[in-house]
């Protein structure tokens, strides 16, 4: 199953799980071009500390485009310290209206440990309805798996890891080399 959002590049699955006072973002390490695995150990989940406020972000899509968006998000967070929702909306507005940014092919999941959002190039800032969200080629597989585990006694990290393992078993564009970042609210 290919991710048609970004033609040519496949191989990213990012999941965000919020349970209790903990949020985990996990991402696999595979980057593929067509049917060829280019890299198996990419790091697509990052910890940001703009203005001393910690934020975790995971990205799907073009790596260079995602880094551009992460830099812009850091600027927005520095301008609105401790206000992830406001910074996310400001980034999404810029992304939708700026001619240069409109060409960027990436999506982000961001969290400050209290809130979790998906930011898209269509100007969307989405808060997951069931405290779990996922993006990328295997995102729907990971999302379904995690949603099925949310009522269990598993913690956020275990749910994220188990959901990613299920996605890696199903999606050929997802591998099991995870980067996992945890943050508390």
C-alpha atoms as a PDB file:
ATOM      1  CA  UNK A   1       0.000   0.000   0.000  1.00  0.00           C
ATOM      2  CA  UNK A   2       1.671   3.231  -1.115  1.00  0.00           C
ATOM      3  CA  UNK A   3       1.191   6.690   0.329  1.00  0.00           C
ATOM      4  CA  UNK A   4      -0.021   8.726  -2.650  1.00  0.00           C
ATOM      5  CA  UNK A   5       0.294  11.990  -0.718  1.00  0.00           C
ATOM      6  CA  UNK A   6       3.973  12.146  -1.675  1.00  0.00           C
ATOM      7  CA  UNK A   7       4.517  10.347  -5.006  1.00  0.00           C
ATOM      8  CA  UNK A   8       7.778   8.426  -5.299  1.00  0.00           C
ATOM      9  CA  UNK A   9       8.837   8.485  -1.633  1.00  0.00           C
ATOM     10  CA  UNK A  10       7.421   5.916   0.741  1.00  0.00           C
ATOM     11  CA  UNK A  11       8.460   4.345   3.954  1.00  0.00           C
ATOM     12  CA  UNK A  12       7.365   6.372   6.913  1.00  0.00           C
ATOM     13  CA  UNK A  13       5.063   5.430   9.724  1.00  0.00           C
ATOM     14  CA  UNK A  14       4.694   7.799  12.666  1.00  0.00           C
ATOM     15  CA  UNK A  15       2.314   7.269  15.572  1.00  0.00           C
ATOM     16  CA  UNK A  16       1.371   9.471  18.502  1.00  0.00           C
ATOM     17  CA  UNK A  17      -0.289   7.948  21.567  1.00  0.00           C
ATOM     18  CA  UNK A  18      -1.586   9.879  24.566  1.00  0.00           C
ATOM     19  CA  UNK A  19      -2.534   7.857  27.640  1.00  0.00           C
ATOM     20  CA  UNK A  20      -2.715   9.154  31.176  1.00  0.00           C
ATOM     21  CA  UNK A  21      -0.232  11.968  31.631  1.00  0.00           C
ATOM     22  CA  UNK A  22       2.146  10.615  28.996  1.00  0.00           C
ATOM     23  CA  UNK A  23       2.439  11.102  25.239  1.00  0.00           C
ATOM     24  CA  UNK A  24       4.677   8.981  23.032  1.00  0.00           C
ATOM     25  CA  UNK A  25       5.606   9.597  19.425  1.00  0.00           C
ATOM     26  CA  UNK A  26       7.259   6.699  17.637  1.00  0.00           C
ATOM     27  CA  UNK A  27       8.526   6.425  14.082  1.00  0.00           C
ATOM     28  CA  UNK A  28      10.072   3.701  12.006  1.00  0.00           C
ATOM     29  CA  UNK A  29      13.389   4.112  10.244  1.00  0.00           C
ATOM     30  CA  UNK A  30      12.660   3.057   6.671  1.00  0.00           C
ATOM     31  CA  UNK A  31      12.961   5.362   3.689  1.00  0.00           C
ATOM     32  CA  UNK A  32      12.112   3.869   0.304  1.00  0.00           C
ATOM     33  CA  UNK A  33      12.175   5.136  -3.245  1.00  0.00           C
ATOM     34  CA  UNK A  34       9.829   3.027  -5.313  1.00  0.00           C
ATOM     35  CA  UNK A  35      10.493  -0.557  -4.294  1.00  0.00           C
ATOM     36  CA  UNK A  36      14.018   0.091  -3.065  1.00  0.00           C
ATOM     37  CA  UNK A  37      14.872   0.663   0.582  1.00  0.00           C
ATOM     38  CA  UNK A  38      17.262   3.613   0.599  1.00  0.00           C
ATOM     39  CA  UNK A  39      17.834   3.731   4.353  1.00  0.00           C
ATOM     40  CA  UNK A  40      16.603   1.602   7.213  1.00  0.00           C
ATOM     41  CA  UNK A  41      17.633   3.706  10.196  1.00  0.00           C
ATOM     42  CA  UNK A  42      16.351   7.233   9.533  1.00  0.00           C
ATOM     43  CA  UNK A  43      15.385   9.254  12.613  1.00  0.00           C
ATOM     44  CA  UNK A  44      11.980  10.836  11.959  1.00  0.00           C
ATOM     45  CA  UNK A  45      11.072  11.720  15.534  1.00  0.00           C
ATOM     46  CA  UNK A  46      12.779  14.709  17.151  1.00  0.00           C
ATOM     47  CA  UNK A  47      12.790  16.443  20.513  1.00  0.00           C
ATOM     48  CA  UNK A  48      12.689  20.247  20.213  1.00  0.00           C
ATOM     49  CA  UNK A  49      13.367  22.709  23.051  1.00  0.00           C
ATOM     50  CA  UNK A  50      12.488  26.180  21.765  1.00  0.00           C
ATOM     51  CA  UNK A  51      12.506  28.756  24.542  1.00  0.00           C
ATOM     52  CA  UNK A  52      13.002  26.008  27.125  1.00  0.00           C
ATOM     53  CA  UNK A  53       9.607  24.398  26.404  1.00  0.00           C
ATOM     54  CA  UNK A  54       9.960  20.798  25.290  1.00  0.00           C
ATOM     55  CA  UNK A  55       8.064  19.539  22.246  1.00  0.00           C
ATOM     56  CA  UNK A  56       8.310  16.197  20.433  1.00  0.00           C
ATOM     57  CA  UNK A  57       7.663  16.065  16.694  1.00  0.00           C
ATOM     58  CA  UNK A  58       7.478  13.232  14.179  1.00  0.00           C
ATOM     59  CA  UNK A  59       7.345  13.704  10.420  1.00  0.00           C
ATOM     60  CA  UNK A  60       6.303  11.864   7.293  1.00  0.00           C
ATOM     61  CA  UNK A  61       7.162  12.874   3.751  1.00  0.00           C
ATOM     62  CA  UNK A  62      10.210  14.523   2.289  1.00  0.00           C
ATOM     63  CA  UNK A  63      12.969  14.822   4.891  1.00  0.00           C
ATOM     64  CA  UNK A  64      14.249  18.191   3.672  1.00  0.00           C
ATOM     65  CA  UNK A  65      10.702  19.559   3.628  1.00  0.00           C
ATOM     66  CA  UNK A  66      10.036  18.206   7.113  1.00  0.00           C
ATOM     67  CA  UNK A  67      13.204  19.835   8.474  1.00  0.00           C
ATOM     68  CA  UNK A  68      12.087  23.146   6.971  1.00  0.00           C
ATOM     69  CA  UNK A  69       8.743  22.775   8.737  1.00  0.00           C
ATOM     70  CA  UNK A  70      10.375  21.787  12.028  1.00  0.00           C
ATOM     71  CA  UNK A  71      12.556  24.921  11.857  1.00  0.00           C
ATOM     72  CA  UNK A  72       9.474  27.059  11.177  1.00  0.00           C
ATOM     73  CA  UNK A  73       7.629  25.369  14.041  1.00  0.00           C
ATOM     74  CA  UNK A  74      10.515  26.173  16.395  1.00  0.00           C
ATOM     75  CA  UNK A  75      10.291  29.845  15.386  1.00  0.00           C
ATOM     76  CA  UNK A  76       6.518  29.821  16.028  1.00  0.00           C
ATOM     77  CA  UNK A  77       7.051  28.145  19.412  1.00  0.00           C
ATOM     78  CA  UNK A  78       9.670  30.727  20.397  1.00  0.00           C
ATOM     79  CA  UNK A  79       7.195  33.489  19.494  1.00  0.00           C
ATOM     80  CA  UNK A  80       4.408  31.813  21.540  1.00  0.00           C
ATOM     81  CA  UNK A  81       6.192  30.034  24.431  1.00  0.00           C
ATOM     82  CA  UNK A  82       4.235  27.169  25.936  1.00  0.00           C
ATOM     83  CA  UNK A  83       1.387  27.519  23.418  1.00  0.00           C
ATOM     84  CA  UNK A  84       1.680  24.532  21.109  1.00  0.00           C
ATOM     85  CA  UNK A  85      -1.850  24.899  19.719  1.00  0.00           C
ATOM     86  CA  UNK A  86      -1.283  28.530  18.747  1.00  0.00           C
ATOM     87  CA  UNK A  87       2.148  27.815  17.235  1.00  0.00           C
ATOM     88  CA  UNK A  88       0.697  24.881  15.279  1.00  0.00           C
ATOM     89  CA  UNK A  89      -2.156  26.987  13.882  1.00  0.00           C
ATOM     90  CA  UNK A  90       0.254  29.771  12.921  1.00  0.00           C
ATOM     91  CA  UNK A  91       2.504  27.253  11.125  1.00  0.00           C
ATOM     92  CA  UNK A  92      -0.480  25.713   9.321  1.00  0.00           C
ATOM     93  CA  UNK A  93      -1.687  29.167   8.202  1.00  0.00           C
ATOM     94  CA  UNK A  94       1.765  30.028   6.847  1.00  0.00           C
ATOM     95  CA  UNK A  95       2.063  26.616   5.212  1.00  0.00           C
ATOM     96  CA  UNK A  96      -1.267  27.061   3.436  1.00  0.00           C
ATOM     97  CA  UNK A  97      -0.720  30.657   2.274  1.00  0.00           C
ATOM     98  CA  UNK A  98       3.030  30.926   1.583  1.00  0.00           C
ATOM     99  CA  UNK A  99       3.857  30.007  -2.051  1.00  0.00           C
ATOM    100  CA  UNK A 100       7.186  28.429  -1.051  1.00  0.00           C
ATOM    101  CA  UNK A 101       5.773  26.421   1.849  1.00  0.00           C
ATOM    102  CA  UNK A 102       2.825  25.159  -0.243  1.00  0.00           C
ATOM    103  CA  UNK A 103       5.252  23.041  -2.237  1.00  0.00           C
ATOM    104  CA  UNK A 104       6.532  21.220   0.858  1.00  0.00           C
ATOM    105  CA  UNK A 105       5.548  17.563   0.994  1.00  0.00           C
ATOM    106  CA  UNK A 106       5.421  16.510   4.619  1.00  0.00           C
ATOM    107  CA  UNK A 107       3.112  16.082   7.604  1.00  0.00           C
ATOM    108  CA  UNK A 108       3.859  16.485  11.294  1.00  0.00           C
ATOM    109  CA  UNK A 109       2.646  15.017  14.563  1.00  0.00           C
ATOM    110  CA  UNK A 110       3.569  17.315  17.456  1.00  0.00           C
ATOM    111  CA  UNK A 111       3.064  17.185  21.222  1.00  0.00           C
ATOM    112  CA  UNK A 112       4.051  19.079  24.328  1.00  0.00           C
ATOM    113  CA  UNK A 113       2.912  16.243  26.598  1.00  0.00           C
ATOM    114  CA  UNK A 114      -0.512  17.808  27.138  1.00  0.00           C
ATOM    115  CA  UNK A 115      -1.830  18.206  23.596  1.00  0.00           C
ATOM    116  CA  UNK A 116      -1.147  16.225  20.447  1.00  0.00           C
ATOM    117  CA  UNK A 117      -1.767  17.556  16.930  1.00  0.00           C
ATOM    118  CA  UNK A 118      -1.361  16.543  13.295  1.00  0.00           C
ATOM    119  CA  UNK A 119      -0.329  19.477  11.089  1.00  0.00           C
ATOM    120  CA  UNK A 120      -0.836  19.226   7.317  1.00  0.00           C
ATOM    121  CA  UNK A 121      -0.043  21.356   4.296  1.00  0.00           C
ATOM    122  CA  UNK A 122      -3.753  21.794   3.659  1.00  0.00           C
ATOM    123  CA  UNK A 123      -3.832  24.141   6.663  1.00  0.00           C
ATOM    124  CA  UNK A 124      -5.194  21.505   9.032  1.00  0.00           C
ATOM    125  CA  UNK A 125      -4.337  21.259  12.711  1.00  0.00           C
ATOM    126  CA  UNK A 126      -6.079  18.123  13.892  1.00  0.00           C
ATOM    127  CA  UNK A 127      -6.405  16.920  17.467  1.00  0.00           C
ATOM    128  CA  UNK A 128      -7.043  13.167  17.551  1.00  0.00           C
ATOM    129  CA  UNK A 129     -10.438  12.146  18.821  1.00  0.00           C
ATOM    130  CA  UNK A 130      -9.280   9.015  20.643  1.00  0.00           C
ATOM    131  CA  UNK A 131      -5.846  10.200  21.861  1.00  0.00           C
ATOM    132  CA  UNK A 132      -4.044   8.322  19.094  1.00  0.00           C
ATOM    133  CA  UNK A 133      -3.031   9.438  15.624  1.00  0.00           C
ATOM    134  CA  UNK A 134      -0.738   8.197  12.870  1.00  0.00           C
ATOM    135  CA  UNK A 135       0.620   9.383   9.529  1.00  0.00           C
ATOM    136  CA  UNK A 136       2.604   7.909   6.656  1.00  0.00           C
ATOM    137  CA  UNK A 137       2.478   4.753   4.591  1.00  0.00           C
ATOM    138  CA  UNK A 138       1.690   2.426   7.478  1.00  0.00           C
ATOM    139  CA  UNK A 139      -0.202   5.040   9.467  1.00  0.00           C
ATOM    140  CA  UNK A 140      -3.632   3.482   9.036  1.00  0.00           C
ATOM    141  CA  UNK A 141      -2.331   0.085  10.160  1.00  0.00           C
ATOM    142  CA  UNK A 142      -0.627   1.554  13.234  1.00  0.00           C
ATOM    143  CA  UNK A 143      -3.676   3.703  14.030  1.00  0.00           C
ATOM    144  CA  UNK A 144      -6.071   0.746  13.907  1.00  0.00           C
ATOM    145  CA  UNK A 145      -3.773  -1.393  16.043  1.00  0.00           C
ATOM    146  CA  UNK A 146      -3.288   1.337  18.656  1.00  0.00           C
ATOM    147  CA  UNK A 147      -6.983   2.161  18.815  1.00  0.00           C
ATOM    148  CA  UNK A 148      -7.636  -1.495  19.566  1.00  0.00           C
ATOM    149  CA  UNK A 149      -5.221  -1.365  22.518  1.00  0.00           C
ATOM    150  CA  UNK A 150      -6.274   1.952  24.089  1.00  0.00           C
ATOM    151  CA  UNK A 151      -8.691   0.309  26.567  1.00  0.00           C
ATOM    152  CA  UNK A 152      -6.053  -2.184  27.701  1.00  0.00           C
ATOM    153  CA  UNK A 153      -3.808  -1.725  30.745  1.00  0.00           C
ATOM    154  CA  UNK A 154      -0.831  -1.019  28.443  1.00  0.00           C
ATOM    155  CA  UNK A 155       0.929   2.323  28.806  1.00  0.00           C
ATOM    156  CA  UNK A 156       1.396   4.790  25.929  1.00  0.00           C
ATOM    157  CA  UNK A 157       4.870   3.574  24.997  1.00  0.00           C
ATOM    158  CA  UNK A 158       3.858  -0.092  24.907  1.00  0.00           C
ATOM    159  CA  UNK A 159       0.822   0.727  22.766  1.00  0.00           C
ATOM    160  CA  UNK A 160       2.969   2.766  20.349  1.00  0.00           C
ATOM    161  CA  UNK A 161       5.638   0.040  20.082  1.00  0.00           C
ATOM    162  CA  UNK A 162       3.107  -2.769  19.644  1.00  0.00           C
ATOM    163  CA  UNK A 163       1.127  -0.795  17.040  1.00  0.00           C
ATOM    164  CA  UNK A 164       4.306  -0.038  15.105  1.00  0.00           C
ATOM    165  CA  UNK A 165       5.271  -3.722  15.175  1.00  0.00           C
ATOM    166  CA  UNK A 166       1.883  -4.607  13.696  1.00  0.00           C
ATOM    167  CA  UNK A 167       2.241  -1.915  11.014  1.00  0.00           C
ATOM    168  CA  UNK A 168       5.749  -3.188  10.168  1.00  0.00           C
ATOM    169  CA  UNK A 169       4.364  -6.711   9.715  1.00  0.00           C
ATOM    170  CA  UNK A 170       1.712  -5.463   7.263  1.00  0.00           C
ATOM    171  CA  UNK A 171       3.200  -2.477   5.417  1.00  0.00           C
ATOM    172  CA  UNK A 172       6.229  -3.125   3.192  1.00  0.00           C
ATOM    173  CA  UNK A 173       7.184   0.561   3.540  1.00  0.00           C
ATOM    174  CA  UNK A 174       7.555   0.309   7.331  1.00  0.00           C
ATOM    175  CA  UNK A 175      10.318  -1.370   9.314  1.00  0.00           C
ATOM    176  CA  UNK A 176      10.828  -2.213  12.974  1.00  0.00           C
ATOM    177  CA  UNK A 177      13.724   0.139  13.711  1.00  0.00           C
ATOM    178  CA  UNK A 178      11.966   2.624  15.951  1.00  0.00           C
ATOM    179  CA  UNK A 179      12.763   6.010  17.355  1.00  0.00           C
ATOM    180  CA  UNK A 180      10.566   6.574  20.410  1.00  0.00           C
ATOM    181  CA  UNK A 181      10.270   9.824  22.322  1.00  0.00           C
ATOM    182  CA  UNK A 182       8.176  10.146  25.483  1.00  0.00           C
ATOM    183  CA  UNK A 183       6.976  13.359  27.124  1.00  0.00           C
ATOM    184  CA  UNK A 184       4.754  13.962  30.138  1.00  0.00           C
ATOM    185  CA  UNK A 185       2.068  16.632  30.478  1.00  0.00           C
END
